[in-house]
Amino acid sequence: MGAGGQRRGIQSWWLAIRFSVILSCVEQVSAQIKYSVPEEVNVGSVVGNVAKDLGLDISSLKERRFRIVSGAKDAQFEVNQHNGVLYVHKNIDREELCESVSPCLMNLKMVAENPMEIHYVGVEIIDVNDNSPSFPEEENILEISESTVPGKRFQLPTAHDPDVVINTVRVYRLNQNEYFNVQIRERGEDKIPFLVLQKSLDREKHHEHKLILTAADGGNPSRSGTLNVTVIVLDSNDNHPTFSQEVYSVTIPENVDADTSVIKVKATDVDEGANGDIEYFFGGQLDRKIYDMFSLDKETGEIKVKGEIDFEKDDVFKLDVHATDKGQPPMSTDCRVIIKVLDKNDNKPQIEVTSLSNTVSEDSKPGTVVSLISITDQDAGLNGKVICSLSDNVPFDLKPSFQDNMYSLVLKQHLDRESVSHYDITITATDCGQPPLSTFKTLSIDVSDVNDNLPEFAQNPVELYLVENNVPGNPIFTVTASDKDLNENAALTYHIVREERRQVTIAAFLNINTENGQISALKSFDFETVKTFQFQVVATDSGTPSLSSNVTVNVFILDQNDNAPVILYPLSSNGSAEGVEEIPRNVNAGHLVSKVRAYDADIGYNGWLLFSLQEVTDHSLFGLDRYTGQIRTLRSFTETDEAEHKLLILVKDNGNVSLSATATVIVKVVEPKEAFAASDVKSAAKDEEGNGVTFYLMITLGSVSVLFLISIIVLIAMQCSKSTDYTSKYLQETNYDGTLCHSIQYRSGDKRYMLVGPRMSIGSTIVPGSHANTLVLPDRRRASGEVRA
């Protein structure tokens, strides 16, 4: 109602409440008082002092519970029990309380107790011009044919003002124009406005007229309300439809759902009726695919999606739309609609390897280009911007090219085929769209071999234990090397190093298969001639350039029982093992008759000799020590014993297949005098013979000693040059007792071995258990420090 605005317009003189009091006697118990107060006064404003005007004792109002009991709607008024003042308790709106009734009077019933008194107070609400005139509608449309004659009247809506008396509607005014004015006719208390045509209308100049009708009240200051009056001029179909824009432009995302509205074109026709009804059509010169992609509502001009919109196929569409009215004849116009497609991130990046070498040499330098990689993404903008990366822990890197989305896969560090021979590299391409899309591609790269590894032998040096008397031409050993490289770089050939040294003579009798390293001996080795020798085998690969390494082979010849015992004494002048001994008849038991001396070139058990009597004239008369070969008498001679005795002595070694020799000793028993004479003669002969034997013994012992020293020197030199598992400690102990026999101890690993035989040189070591001539001894090195055999 505009009450809030009117409150601010109330003049200050209304705050000083004007009231008139009319006092009259109504009854013995009541009196009537009338006050007046304007509407919209502030809450708390004083209406009047009721207690004073009624002559009540102000000090007893609270005790008598002086109050209003009826007559005030929503308690617009209240009385103060302390001073008897009647004041405004709530906002007062006259139009709400009394509507159009004038005057607006409110009767209040007030009560005081002890004694009971009832008083009636009237309050008149004075109207304030706080409401403006208003029309039922904001706009009124009139359709007037351009053929209408001047002077014709058209009734307009009446304005309404809730205020009363002078504050209600008093006058209507029309804005200045050359075609219309307003006339007011009174019908009772109402004033009715009429629009009067003053000048003929011309639709070709003005198809409509905008007028403003103003209604004003009589208040001070005056308030008013307006009505927009639109006069539409009707005419014939003489105007073309017109689009609001010559060119429409709109943007839609790709992959939009079918039946989605794109845009609504709007054409207008100033004509009326069928002359202004418009239908829309696509232009006839459009590409046929436009009809598959979009649809057009001919009534509303709304364009909707019909087919699949793909930015990668078409990023813009251009449509011609025709608008035609329904007049006779129809008139039309057209416009251009440009539909731009907004890219969405709906395409994954594509990885294309335009140049790839799937094999990289392991000696390639860092920075070597392995392949060229191009990344494509059919999307646009950030959706088509791609970030490329490699999998972790690979010796490769991606280097961007000067051209966008082009990369070079380069080597980041040195390769080693023997460590890693194949790489599966995963390339990840991720675009910058939201959400981002990724593509993965795996490149398999093999590392080609380079001849950068030497052949390797599993063991160096190698120990070979070879039994003497091997068959010439047969394989004796095979050396094998390995190469970490591949193919021809790992294809090995073998050859024996032949140098101008002592071993060359022996190595010359060795042959090796160049392909498999199988070694054959071209001659049979004799333990008694050579006991150990050394040679080197070289393994060479087939790379370019070739690489090689060598291995030292230490050969130990093992003894076989291939030498029969040799009788040194007795030895007759014609070379047969036969001797004659003369002894006195009066010798006692245990007398040394003679001693058979023999030796065996083999060692160990093969060279350990035992003596036995094969034939004897009288077994009770002579005895033979089986270890020393001494012949002694077992008893004294008797008169009945024969004067000549023949002893056939068998000397054999202890080989697996024993070899033996025999010696014949003829013992002649003589009288003591003859024995002494013969003894002198023999003594001279024996001295001569003994000198010869002694000479040979000295040569033999000297040779053994020299061989022993040479072996010790060679062993020390080998130990100083390299550390091997076959080094042994040798302890020599001569035990010569007619057989030129001695023993050699050696160590291999955690075991000790003893070889027994004549003329055995240091270095004649054999593998444990390889031959029967070897004795295995317990290792007491820690307990006693040295073991003797």
Foldseek 3Di string as FASTA:
>chain_A
DQLVVLLVVDDPVLLVFDFDFDWDDDDPQEIETEWEHEASYDFFRWGAQPCVVVVHDLCCQVVQVKWWDDFDVVCQWTADSNRRTITGHDGGDQCVQPFADPFAKTKIWIWTVPPTGIYIYIYTHDYDLRWAWEFPDQEAEAEDALPDDFFDKAWDTFTFTRTDDQSTWDDKFKDDDDFWGWDWDDDDPGITIIITGHDRDDCVVPQKDWMKMKIWGRDVVIHIYIHIYMYGYADALPWEKAWPDQEAEWEEAFQDDFFAWTDATDIFTSHDDQSTQKFKDWDPPADPVVVQAWDAGRRGRIITGRDGGDCLVPQKDKTKMKMWGRHVVIHIDIHIYMYGYAYALPWAKDKDWPFADQEAALADAWFAFGTKIAIATSTDDQSTQKDKAKDPDDQWGWDDDPDGRITTITGNHGGDCLVPFKDWMKMKIWTRHVVIHIDIDIRIHGHAWALPWEWAFPDAAAEFEAEFPDDAPDFRDFTDTFTSTDDQSTQKFKDWDQDPDPCNVQCVQWDAGGRGRTIGGRDTDACLVPFKDKTKMKIWGRHVVIHIDIGMYIYGYAYALPWEKDWPPPADPVGAQEEEFEDEQFDFFFAFGDATFIFTSTKFQSTQKFKDWDDKPDPQFWDAHGRQRTITGHGHHDPPDDQKMKTKMWMWGRFPDIHIDIHIYMYGYDHPVVCVVVCVVVVVVVVVVVVVVVVVVVVQVVLLVVLQVVLVVVLVVVVVVDPDQARWDWDWDFDDRRHQKTKIWIDGDQWIKIMMHHSDYPRNDHDPPPGPSIDIDHDCCVPPVDDDD
